[in-house]
Amino acid sequence: MAIVGLIFRVIGWVLLSLILLLIILLHFSAVVRVHIAADGLRWNVKYLGLTLAPRKKKSKKTDKKEDAPSEVYDEIDDEIADLDLGEDDLESDIEKLEDKQPDAPSEPSEDEPADSAETKSESSVKADKRSKKESVKKDKPKKEKSNKTDSKRNEGGLRAKIDGLRSKYAMIKPYIPYTWKMFKKLLKIIRIRIDDVRLTVGREDAHEAAIFYGQTQAAVSQLLTLLAGMFTVKVKKCDINCRFAENYFYGSADLSVRLRPSTAVWIVLLIAFNAAGIWIRQKLASRKALKSAAQA
């Protein structure tokens, strides 16, 4: 028994040490570094000093031989050379094909009058028109009835869809306030550090250059305030310069985004526990309602 107890104690200490190690590792931040410039976008994701993305592509070995070797072409040439295509054979084949051609269609006889054919065609056209008109008259009430039934079905389908959406919204509604609150907290734990931002703008006219410079300053400040309202933002360097007597625009930015996995996991667990509590309360309320209805 003492040995079994010792084994369980060792297993417990190992599990506790693993849990503590996992918690310590989750406290280290994952870092996404981004570089934006005229030459393109470069980024990487690092965690504990290891580059997680983008991974380097392995060079594939090109040791395969080229397809379609010369032996295949030699065999094709030999087969073509074995074919005997003499002039006599060609003439006999042409004569056979001429014999197999169908006879030309016989022309109508001159004795038959042309007026009779025209009258027959006119009468057949008139009969076709009459039959089409009668079929259209018969099909009109059927089409109207089918359109009415289709519209009723569509209205019923829309009402059913709207009722289904309302019932789903009523089920989700209790979860929305707390989830939205925790989602804003989750965004706030994302830390954005702007290491270096450089913008240079210019116009040929000095007045236009000054206006463009002011517009650029306003746009950058609005963007920074928007980001600061959603995330935790820290600006180290942001320079905006102006050039006169030339049309010019150039910009580059170096920034990093940091997220601590332990805090993100904790917020997700809080959302899950709160959702479970709301679901249990709803179930209890529905059971009480059913009991009260059964007693009444």
C-alpha atoms as a PDB file:
ATOM      1  CA  MET A   1       0.000   0.000   0.000  1.00  0.00           C
ATOM      2  CA  ALA A   2       2.837   2.354   0.803  1.00  0.00           C
ATOM      3  CA  ILE A   3       4.297   1.824  -2.681  1.00  0.00           C
ATOM      4  CA  VAL A   4       0.926   2.521  -4.350  1.00  0.00           C
ATOM      5  CA  GLY A   5       0.531   5.712  -2.304  1.00  0.00           C
ATOM      6  CA  LEU A   6       4.017   6.817  -3.255  1.00  0.00           C
ATOM      7  CA  ILE A   7       3.270   6.216  -6.958  1.00  0.00           C
ATOM      8  CA  PHE A   8       0.073   8.295  -6.753  1.00  0.00           C
ATOM      9  CA  ARG A   9       1.948  11.090  -4.983  1.00  0.00           C
ATOM     10  CA  VAL A  10       4.614  11.120  -7.701  1.00  0.00           C
ATOM     11  CA  ILE A  11       1.948  11.207 -10.426  1.00  0.00           C
ATOM     12  CA  GLY A  12       0.173  14.071  -8.634  1.00  0.00           C
ATOM     13  CA  TRP A  13       3.377  16.109  -8.290  1.00  0.00           C
ATOM     14  CA  VAL A  14       4.189  15.521 -11.970  1.00  0.00           C
ATOM     15  CA  LEU A  15       0.729  16.685 -13.041  1.00  0.00           C
ATOM     16  CA  LEU A  16       0.922  19.761 -10.827  1.00  0.00           C
ATOM     17  CA  SER A  17       4.345  20.661 -12.201  1.00  0.00           C
ATOM     18  CA  LEU A  18       3.071  20.269 -15.770  1.00  0.00           C
ATOM     19  CA  ILE A  19       0.072  22.504 -15.042  1.00  0.00           C
ATOM     20  CA  LEU A  20       2.323  25.143 -13.479  1.00  0.00           C
ATOM     21  CA  LEU A  21       4.686  24.977 -16.447  1.00  0.00           C
ATOM     22  CA  LEU A  22       1.745  25.398 -18.844  1.00  0.00           C
ATOM     23  CA  ILE A  23       0.465  28.418 -16.891  1.00  0.00           C
ATOM     24  CA  ILE A  24       3.929  30.007 -16.934  1.00  0.00           C
ATOM     25  CA  LEU A  25       4.276  29.434 -20.680  1.00  0.00           C
ATOM     26  CA  LEU A  26       0.836  30.945 -21.316  1.00  0.00           C
ATOM     27  CA  HIS A  27       1.942  34.138 -19.559  1.00  0.00           C
ATOM     28  CA  PHE A  28       4.482  34.846 -22.295  1.00  0.00           C
ATOM     29  CA  SER A  29       3.097  37.055 -25.053  1.00  0.00           C
ATOM     30  CA  ALA A  30       2.751  36.043 -28.681  1.00  0.00           C
ATOM     31  CA  VAL A  31       4.163  38.776 -30.933  1.00  0.00           C
ATOM     32  CA  VAL A  32       3.158  39.656 -34.489  1.00  0.00           C
ATOM     33  CA  ARG A  33       5.601  42.024 -36.189  1.00  0.00           C
ATOM     34  CA  VAL A  34       4.436  43.908 -39.289  1.00  0.00           C
ATOM     35  CA  HIS A  35       6.397  46.050 -41.743  1.00  0.00           C
ATOM     36  CA  ILE A  36       4.439  48.055 -44.332  1.00  0.00           C
ATOM     37  CA  ALA A  37       6.180  50.047 -47.058  1.00  0.00           C
ATOM     38  CA  ALA A  38       6.156  50.694 -50.792  1.00  0.00           C
ATOM     39  CA  ASP A  39       8.054  47.465 -51.403  1.00  0.00           C
ATOM     40  CA  GLY A  40       5.209  45.411 -49.884  1.00  0.00           C
ATOM     41  CA  LEU A  41       4.065  43.824 -46.637  1.00  0.00           C
ATOM     42  CA  ARG A  42       6.238  41.661 -44.412  1.00  0.00           C
ATOM     43  CA  TRP A  43       5.077  39.967 -41.218  1.00  0.00           C
ATOM     44  CA  ASN A  44       5.970  37.171 -38.832  1.00  0.00           C
ATOM     45  CA  VAL A  45       4.525  35.546 -35.713  1.00  0.00           C
ATOM     46  CA  LYS A  46       6.843  34.649 -32.835  1.00  0.00           C
ATOM     47  CA  TYR A  47       6.235  32.895 -29.546  1.00  0.00           C
ATOM     48  CA  LEU A  48       8.979  32.152 -27.005  1.00  0.00           C
ATOM     49  CA  GLY A  49      11.540  33.243 -29.590  1.00  0.00           C
ATOM     50  CA  LEU A  50      10.299  30.698 -32.147  1.00  0.00           C
ATOM     51  CA  THR A  51       8.961  31.820 -35.535  1.00  0.00           C
ATOM     52  CA  LEU A  52       5.550  30.194 -35.991  1.00  0.00           C
ATOM     53  CA  ALA A  53       4.601  31.846 -39.288  1.00  0.00           C
ATOM     54  CA  PRO A  54       5.372  32.268 -42.118  1.00  0.00           C
ATOM     55  CA  ARG A  55       7.349  29.095 -42.373  1.00  0.00           C
ATOM     56  CA  LYS A  56      10.267  28.840 -44.762  1.00  0.00           C
ATOM     57  CA  LYS A  57       9.535  26.826 -47.874  1.00  0.00           C
ATOM     58  CA  LYS A  58      11.710  23.791 -48.338  1.00  0.00           C
ATOM     59  CA  SER A  59      13.602  23.602 -51.636  1.00  0.00           C
ATOM     60  CA  LYS A  60      12.325  20.707 -53.695  1.00  0.00           C
ATOM     61  CA  LYS A  61      14.906  18.426 -55.299  1.00  0.00           C
ATOM     62  CA  THR A  62      14.749  18.423 -59.092  1.00  0.00           C
ATOM     63  CA  ASP A  63      16.318  15.082 -59.875  1.00  0.00           C
ATOM     64  CA  LYS A  64      13.572  13.851 -62.191  1.00  0.00           C
ATOM     65  CA  LYS A  65      14.539  13.099 -65.755  1.00  0.00           C
ATOM     66  CA  GLU A  66      12.885  14.882 -68.631  1.00  0.00           C
ATOM     67  CA  ASP A  67       9.792  13.241 -70.080  1.00  0.00           C
ATOM     68  CA  ALA A  68       9.332  12.044 -73.639  1.00  0.00           C
ATOM     69  CA  PRO A  69      12.721  10.407 -74.352  1.00  0.00           C
ATOM     70  CA  SER A  70      14.135  10.114 -77.826  1.00  0.00           C
ATOM     71  CA  GLU A  71      13.270   6.389 -78.021  1.00  0.00           C
ATOM     72  CA  VAL A  72       9.551   7.187 -78.250  1.00  0.00           C
ATOM     73  CA  TYR A  73      10.120   9.478 -81.226  1.00  0.00           C
ATOM     74  CA  ASP A  74      12.200   6.793 -82.969  1.00  0.00           C
ATOM     75  CA  GLU A  75       9.380   4.249 -82.602  1.00  0.00           C
ATOM     76  CA  ILE A  76       6.841   6.729 -84.037  1.00  0.00           C
ATOM     77  CA  ASP A  77       9.083   7.361 -87.060  1.00  0.00           C
ATOM     78  CA  ASP A  78       9.408   3.590 -87.682  1.00  0.00           C
ATOM     79  CA  GLU A  79       5.623   3.125 -87.584  1.00  0.00           C
ATOM     80  CA  ILE A  80       5.089   5.979 -90.064  1.00  0.00           C
ATOM     81  CA  ALA A  81       7.699   4.501 -92.386  1.00  0.00           C
ATOM     82  CA  ASP A  82       5.927   1.081 -92.341  1.00  0.00           C
ATOM     83  CA  LEU A  83       2.736   2.605 -93.768  1.00  0.00           C
ATOM     84  CA  ASP A  84       2.498   2.127 -97.579  1.00  0.00           C
ATOM     85  CA  LEU A  85       0.450   4.889 -99.122  1.00  0.00           C
ATOM     86  CA  GLY A  86       0.652   4.344-102.887  1.00  0.00           C
ATOM     87  CA  GLU A  87      -1.156   6.338-105.551  1.00  0.00           C
ATOM     88  CA  ASP A  88      -3.176   3.294-106.723  1.00  0.00           C
ATOM     89  CA  ASP A  89      -4.596   2.744-103.239  1.00  0.00           C
ATOM     90  CA  LEU A  90      -5.567   6.374-102.968  1.00  0.00           C
ATOM     91  CA  GLU A  91      -7.399   6.359-106.339  1.00  0.00           C
ATOM     92  CA  SER A  92      -9.338   3.199-105.419  1.00  0.00           C
ATOM     93  CA  ASP A  93     -10.398   4.750-102.085  1.00  0.00           C
ATOM     94  CA  ILE A  94     -11.611   7.917-103.825  1.00  0.00           C
ATOM     95  CA  GLU A  95     -13.691   5.868-106.338  1.00  0.00           C
ATOM     96  CA  LYS A  96     -15.316   3.905-103.485  1.00  0.00           C
ATOM     97  CA  LEU A  97     -16.268   7.096-101.707  1.00  0.00           C
ATOM     98  CA  GLU A  98     -17.805   8.550-104.876  1.00  0.00           C
ATOM     99  CA  ASP A  99     -19.891   5.390-105.361  1.00  0.00           C
ATOM    100  CA  LYS A 100     -21.178   5.602-101.758  1.00  0.00           C
ATOM    101  CA  GLN A 101     -22.370   9.219-102.090  1.00  0.00           C
ATOM    102  CA  PRO A 102     -26.213   9.539-101.903  1.00  0.00           C
ATOM    103  CA  ASP A 103     -28.173  10.605-104.943  1.00  0.00           C
ATOM    104  CA  ALA A 104     -29.152  14.229-105.221  1.00  0.00           C
ATOM    105  CA  PRO A 105     -32.731  15.023-104.176  1.00  0.00           C
ATOM    106  CA  SER A 106     -35.149  15.024-107.063  1.00  0.00           C
ATOM    107  CA  GLU A 107     -36.410  18.403-108.126  1.00  0.00           C
ATOM    108  CA  PRO A 108     -40.110  19.003-108.124  1.00  0.00           C
ATOM    109  CA  SER A 109     -41.816  18.267-111.444  1.00  0.00           C
ATOM    110  CA  GLU A 110     -42.796  21.129-113.652  1.00  0.00           C
ATOM    111  CA  ASP A 111     -46.258  19.680-114.180  1.00  0.00           C
ATOM    112  CA  GLU A 112     -47.325  20.375-110.549  1.00  0.00           C
ATOM    113  CA  PRO A 113     -48.681  23.878-110.156  1.00  0.00           C
ATOM    114  CA  ALA A 114     -46.879  26.239-107.789  1.00  0.00           C
ATOM    115  CA  ASP A 115     -50.108  27.849-106.627  1.00  0.00           C
ATOM    116  CA  SER A 116     -51.323  24.653-104.955  1.00  0.00           C
ATOM    117  CA  ALA A 117     -48.156  24.444-102.801  1.00  0.00           C
ATOM    118  CA  GLU A 118     -48.522  28.093-101.759  1.00  0.00           C
ATOM    119  CA  THR A 119     -52.177  27.643-100.816  1.00  0.00           C
ATOM    120  CA  LYS A 120     -51.316  24.533 -98.777  1.00  0.00           C
ATOM    121  CA  SER A 121     -48.604  26.388 -96.863  1.00  0.00           C
ATOM    122  CA  GLU A 122     -50.897  29.386 -96.163  1.00  0.00           C
ATOM    123  CA  SER A 123     -53.689  27.140 -94.861  1.00  0.00           C
ATOM    124  CA  SER A 124     -51.300  25.201 -92.589  1.00  0.00           C
ATOM    125  CA  VAL A 125     -49.901  28.496 -91.150  1.00  0.00           C
ATOM    126  CA  LYS A 126     -53.423  29.762 -90.414  1.00  0.00           C
ATOM    127  CA  ALA A 127     -54.362  26.499 -88.714  1.00  0.00           C
ATOM    128  CA  ASP A 128     -51.231  26.680 -86.536  1.00  0.00           C
ATOM    129  CA  LYS A 129     -52.042  30.253 -85.478  1.00  0.00           C
ATOM    130  CA  ARG A 130     -55.602  29.296 -84.522  1.00  0.00           C
ATOM    131  CA  SER A 131     -54.426  26.332 -82.458  1.00  0.00           C
ATOM    132  CA  LYS A 132     -51.824  28.504 -80.656  1.00  0.00           C
ATOM    133  CA  LYS A 133     -54.450  31.166 -79.797  1.00  0.00           C
ATOM    134  CA  GLU A 134     -56.808  28.527 -78.409  1.00  0.00           C
ATOM    135  CA  SER A 135     -54.024  26.975 -76.302  1.00  0.00           C
ATOM    136  CA  VAL A 136     -53.024  30.407 -74.936  1.00  0.00           C
ATOM    137  CA  LYS A 137     -56.648  31.148 -73.956  1.00  0.00           C
ATOM    138  CA  LYS A 138     -56.895  27.822 -72.173  1.00  0.00           C
ATOM    139  CA  ASP A 139     -53.559  28.267 -70.351  1.00  0.00           C
ATOM    140  CA  LYS A 140     -54.255  31.812 -69.053  1.00  0.00           C
ATOM    141  CA  PRO A 141     -56.563  30.851 -66.145  1.00  0.00           C
ATOM    142  CA  LYS A 142     -54.236  27.996 -65.197  1.00  0.00           C
ATOM    143  CA  LYS A 143     -51.250  30.371 -65.070  1.00  0.00           C
ATOM    144  CA  GLU A 144     -53.191  32.897 -62.962  1.00  0.00           C
ATOM    145  CA  LYS A 145     -54.195  30.175 -60.496  1.00  0.00           C
ATOM    146  CA  SER A 146     -50.634  28.867 -60.277  1.00  0.00           C
ATOM    147  CA  ASN A 147     -49.282  32.407 -59.682  1.00  0.00           C
ATOM    148  CA  LYS A 148     -51.775  32.946 -56.850  1.00  0.00           C
ATOM    149  CA  THR A 149     -50.883  29.647 -55.187  1.00  0.00           C
ATOM    150  CA  ASP A 150     -47.143  30.415 -55.556  1.00  0.00           C
ATOM    151  CA  SER A 151     -47.574  33.857 -53.955  1.00  0.00           C
ATOM    152  CA  LYS A 152     -49.482  32.319 -51.028  1.00  0.00           C
ATOM    153  CA  ARG A 153     -46.773  29.717 -50.561  1.00  0.00           C
ATOM    154  CA  ASN A 154     -44.062  32.397 -50.660  1.00  0.00           C
ATOM    155  CA  GLU A 155     -45.895  34.496 -48.055  1.00  0.00           C
ATOM    156  CA  GLY A 156     -46.260  31.463 -45.801  1.00  0.00           C
ATOM    157  CA  GLY A 157     -42.568  30.610 -46.237  1.00  0.00           C
ATOM    158  CA  LEU A 158     -41.505  34.188 -45.376  1.00  0.00           C
ATOM    159  CA  ARG A 159     -43.684  34.236 -42.267  1.00  0.00           C
ATOM    160  CA  ALA A 160     -42.233  30.903 -41.141  1.00  0.00           C
ATOM    161  CA  LYS A 161     -38.688  32.183 -41.697  1.00  0.00           C
ATOM    162  CA  ILE A 162     -39.391  35.405 -39.776  1.00  0.00           C
ATOM    163  CA  ASP A 163     -40.918  33.453 -36.881  1.00  0.00           C
ATOM    164  CA  GLY A 164     -37.898  31.140 -36.836  1.00  0.00           C
ATOM    165  CA  LEU A 165     -35.489  34.089 -36.743  1.00  0.00           C
ATOM    166  CA  ARG A 166     -37.467  35.705 -33.916  1.00  0.00           C
ATOM    167  CA  SER A 167     -37.381  32.514 -31.851  1.00  0.00           C
ATOM    168  CA  LYS A 168     -33.620  32.171 -32.421  1.00  0.00           C
ATOM    169  CA  TYR A 169     -33.061  35.799 -31.420  1.00  0.00           C
ATOM    170  CA  ALA A 170     -35.113  35.267 -28.252  1.00  0.00           C
ATOM    171  CA  MET A 171     -32.850  32.320 -27.375  1.00  0.00           C
ATOM    172  CA  ILE A 172     -29.614  34.261 -28.056  1.00  0.00           C
ATOM    173  CA  LYS A 173     -30.699  37.605 -26.535  1.00  0.00           C
ATOM    174  CA  PRO A 174     -29.715  36.832 -22.871  1.00  0.00           C
ATOM    175  CA  TYR A 175     -26.169  35.939 -23.975  1.00  0.00           C
ATOM    176  CA  ILE A 176     -25.490  39.148 -25.925  1.00  0.00           C
ATOM    177  CA  PRO A 177     -24.814  41.799 -23.167  1.00  0.00           C
ATOM    178  CA  TYR A 178     -22.214  39.846 -21.176  1.00  0.00           C
ATOM    179  CA  THR A 179     -20.575  38.422 -24.309  1.00  0.00           C
ATOM    180  CA  TRP A 180     -20.246  41.909 -25.825  1.00  0.00           C
ATOM    181  CA  LYS A 181     -18.749  43.241 -22.580  1.00  0.00           C
ATOM    182  CA  MET A 182     -16.163  40.447 -22.425  1.00  0.00           C
ATOM    183  CA  PHE A 183     -15.419  40.790 -26.146  1.00  0.00           C
ATOM    184  CA  LYS A 184     -14.474  44.441 -25.595  1.00  0.00           C
ATOM    185  CA  LYS A 185     -12.191  43.331 -22.767  1.00  0.00           C
ATOM    186  CA  LEU A 186     -10.646  40.757 -25.070  1.00  0.00           C
ATOM    187  CA  LEU A 187      -9.898  43.487 -27.614  1.00  0.00           C
ATOM    188  CA  LYS A 188      -8.392  45.677 -24.905  1.00  0.00           C
ATOM    189  CA  ILE A 189      -5.822  43.037 -23.934  1.00  0.00           C
ATOM    190  CA  ILE A 190      -4.442  43.171 -27.484  1.00  0.00           C
ATOM    191  CA  ARG A 191      -1.500  45.590 -27.272  1.00  0.00           C
ATOM    192  CA  ILE A 192      -0.395  47.462 -30.392  1.00  0.00           C
ATOM    193  CA  ARG A 193       2.967  49.219 -30.272  1.00  0.00           C
ATOM    194  CA  ILE A 194       3.739  51.534 -33.180  1.00  0.00           C
ATOM    195  CA  ASP A 195       7.526  51.542 -33.328  1.00  0.00           C
ATOM    196  CA  ASP A 196       8.128  53.765 -36.349  1.00  0.00           C
ATOM    197  CA  VAL A 197       5.747  55.490 -38.774  1.00  0.00           C
ATOM    198  CA  ARG A 198       7.080  57.806 -41.474  1.00  0.00           C
ATOM    199  CA  LEU A 199       4.957  59.682 -43.990  1.00  0.00           C
ATOM    200  CA  THR A 200       6.194  62.209 -46.534  1.00  0.00           C
ATOM    201  CA  VAL A 201       3.713  64.103 -48.702  1.00  0.00           C
ATOM    202  CA  GLY A 202       4.157  66.880 -51.213  1.00  0.00           C
ATOM    203  CA  ARG A 203       2.507  68.997 -53.934  1.00  0.00           C
ATOM    204  CA  GLU A 204       3.885  71.360 -56.559  1.00  0.00           C
ATOM    205  CA  ASP A 205       1.832  74.285 -55.286  1.00  0.00           C
ATOM    206  CA  ALA A 206       2.752  75.400 -51.762  1.00  0.00           C
ATOM    207  CA  HIS A 207      -0.878  76.095 -50.814  1.00  0.00           C
ATOM    208  CA  GLU A 208      -2.019  72.648 -51.968  1.00  0.00           C
ATOM    209  CA  ALA A 209       0.958  71.034 -50.210  1.00  0.00           C
ATOM    210  CA  ALA A 210       0.006  72.655 -46.899  1.00  0.00           C
ATOM    211  CA  ILE A 211      -3.631  71.549 -47.257  1.00  0.00           C
ATOM    212  CA  PHE A 212      -2.612  68.004 -48.139  1.00  0.00           C
ATOM    213  CA  TYR A 213      -0.208  67.924 -45.199  1.00  0.00           C
ATOM    214  CA  GLY A 214      -2.986  68.979 -42.807  1.00  0.00           C
ATOM    215  CA  GLN A 215      -5.396  66.388 -44.231  1.00  0.00           C
ATOM    216  CA  THR A 216      -2.783  63.671 -43.766  1.00  0.00           C
ATOM    217  CA  GLN A 217      -2.191  64.726 -40.159  1.00  0.00           C
ATOM    218  CA  ALA A 218      -5.931  64.628 -39.449  1.00  0.00           C
ATOM    219  CA  ALA A 219      -6.359  61.200 -41.060  1.00  0.00           C
ATOM    220  CA  VAL A 220      -3.482  59.706 -39.065  1.00  0.00           C
ATOM    221  CA  SER A 221      -4.771  61.159 -35.778  1.00  0.00           C
ATOM    222  CA  GLN A 222      -8.286  59.843 -36.422  1.00  0.00           C
ATOM    223  CA  LEU A 223      -6.905  56.386 -37.199  1.00  0.00           C
ATOM    224  CA  LEU A 224      -4.856  56.357 -33.999  1.00  0.00           C
ATOM    225  CA  THR A 225      -7.840  57.453 -31.874  1.00  0.00           C
ATOM    226  CA  LEU A 226      -9.991  54.719 -33.433  1.00  0.00           C
ATOM    227  CA  LEU A 227      -7.357  52.083 -32.686  1.00  0.00           C
ATOM    228  CA  ALA A 228      -6.892  53.406 -29.140  1.00  0.00           C
ATOM    229  CA  GLY A 229     -10.638  53.106 -28.520  1.00  0.00           C
ATOM    230  CA  MET A 230     -10.601  49.426 -29.462  1.00  0.00           C
ATOM    231  CA  PHE A 231      -7.126  48.212 -28.453  1.00  0.00           C
ATOM    232  CA  THR A 232      -4.303  49.232 -26.111  1.00  0.00           C
ATOM    233  CA  VAL A 233      -2.088  51.426 -28.301  1.00  0.00           C
ATOM    234  CA  LYS A 234       1.375  52.826 -27.594  1.00  0.00           C
ATOM    235  CA  VAL A 235       3.066  55.135 -30.108  1.00  0.00           C
ATOM    236  CA  LYS A 236       6.861  55.439 -29.973  1.00  0.00           C
ATOM    237  CA  LYS A 237       7.512  57.418 -33.156  1.00  0.00           C
ATOM    238  CA  CYS A 238       5.236  58.920 -35.806  1.00  0.00           C
ATOM    239  CA  ASP A 239       6.708  61.479 -38.189  1.00  0.00           C
ATOM    240  CA  ILE A 240       4.809  63.249 -40.983  1.00  0.00           C
ATOM    241  CA  ASN A 241       6.850  65.506 -43.264  1.00  0.00           C
ATOM    242  CA  CYS A 242       5.958  67.795 -46.153  1.00  0.00           C
ATOM    243  CA  ARG A 243       7.769  68.505 -49.430  1.00  0.00           C
ATOM    244  CA  PHE A 244       7.128  71.514 -51.574  1.00  0.00           C
ATOM    245  CA  ALA A 245       7.474  72.009 -55.342  1.00  0.00           C
ATOM    246  CA  GLU A 246       6.886  68.317 -56.194  1.00  0.00           C
ATOM    247  CA  ASN A 247       4.125  65.733 -56.142  1.00  0.00           C
ATOM    248  CA  TYR A 248       5.301  63.152 -53.664  1.00  0.00           C
ATOM    249  CA  PHE A 249       3.873  60.512 -51.360  1.00  0.00           C
ATOM    250  CA  TYR A 250       5.784  57.860 -49.454  1.00  0.00           C
ATOM    251  CA  GLY A 251       5.062  55.989 -46.259  1.00  0.00           C
ATOM    252  CA  SER A 252       6.402  53.156 -44.125  1.00  0.00           C
ATOM    253  CA  ALA A 253       5.332  51.657 -40.813  1.00  0.00           C
ATOM    254  CA  ASP A 254       6.806  49.203 -38.336  1.00  0.00           C
ATOM    255  CA  LEU A 255       4.503  47.930 -35.611  1.00  0.00           C
ATOM    256  CA  SER A 256       4.046  44.960 -33.320  1.00  0.00           C
ATOM    257  CA  VAL A 257       0.904  43.330 -31.918  1.00  0.00           C
ATOM    258  CA  ARG A 258       1.141  41.447 -28.625  1.00  0.00           C
ATOM    259  CA  LEU A 259      -1.325  39.098 -26.960  1.00  0.00           C
ATOM    260  CA  ARG A 260      -0.926  37.171 -23.707  1.00  0.00           C
ATOM    261  CA  PRO A 261      -2.602  33.740 -24.201  1.00  0.00           C
ATOM    262  CA  SER A 262      -3.381  33.258 -20.479  1.00  0.00           C
ATOM    263  CA  THR A 263      -5.595  36.382 -20.366  1.00  0.00           C
ATOM    264  CA  ALA A 264      -7.375  35.389 -23.581  1.00  0.00           C
ATOM    265  CA  VAL A 265      -8.040  31.881 -22.225  1.00  0.00           C
ATOM    266  CA  TRP A 266      -9.357  33.329 -18.941  1.00  0.00           C
ATOM    267  CA  ILE A 267     -11.812  35.636 -20.746  1.00  0.00           C
ATOM    268  CA  VAL A 268     -13.043  32.778 -22.961  1.00  0.00           C
ATOM    269  CA  LEU A 269     -13.606  30.619 -19.866  1.00  0.00           C
ATOM    270  CA  LEU A 270     -15.576  33.416 -18.193  1.00  0.00           C
ATOM    271  CA  ILE A 271     -17.794  33.725 -21.284  1.00  0.00           C
ATOM    272  CA  ALA A 272     -18.338  29.948 -21.298  1.00  0.00           C
ATOM    273  CA  PHE A 273     -19.236  29.844 -17.550  1.00  0.00           C
ATOM    274  CA  ASN A 274     -21.639  32.752 -17.921  1.00  0.00           C
ATOM    275  CA  ALA A 275     -23.315  31.118 -20.936  1.00  0.00           C
ATOM    276  CA  ALA A 276     -23.689  27.876 -18.982  1.00  0.00           C
ATOM    277  CA  GLY A 277     -25.312  29.762 -16.071  1.00  0.00           C
ATOM    278  CA  ILE A 278     -27.802  31.488 -18.396  1.00  0.00           C
ATOM    279  CA  TRP A 279     -28.656  28.158 -20.037  1.00  0.00           C
ATOM    280  CA  ILE A 280     -29.278  26.490 -16.629  1.00  0.00           C
ATOM    281  CA  ARG A 281     -31.508  29.393 -15.523  1.00  0.00           C
ATOM    282  CA  GLN A 282     -33.529  29.150 -18.744  1.00  0.00           C
ATOM    283  CA  LYS A 283     -34.004  25.400 -18.273  1.00  0.00           C
ATOM    284  CA  LEU A 284     -35.161  25.861 -14.662  1.00  0.00           C
ATOM    285  CA  ALA A 285     -37.577  28.623 -15.670  1.00  0.00           C
ATOM    286  CA  SER A 286     -39.063  26.467 -18.446  1.00  0.00           C
ATOM    287  CA  ARG A 287     -39.536  23.538 -16.007  1.00  0.00           C
ATOM    288  CA  LYS A 288     -41.285  25.772 -13.480  1.00  0.00           C
ATOM    289  CA  ALA A 289     -43.575  27.090 -16.222  1.00  0.00           C
ATOM    290  CA  LEU A 290     -44.447  23.543 -17.301  1.00  0.00           C
ATOM    291  CA  LYS A 291     -45.174  22.497 -13.693  1.00  0.00           C
ATOM    292  CA  SER A 292     -47.411  25.506 -13.085  1.00  0.00           C
ATOM    293  CA  ALA A 293     -49.268  24.841 -16.341  1.00  0.00           C
ATOM    294  CA  ALA A 294     -49.753  21.170 -15.401  1.00  0.00           C
ATOM    295  CA  GLN A 295     -51.063  22.068 -11.917  1.00  0.00           C
ATOM    296  CA  ALA A 296     -53.489  24.595 -13.362  1.00  0.00           C
END
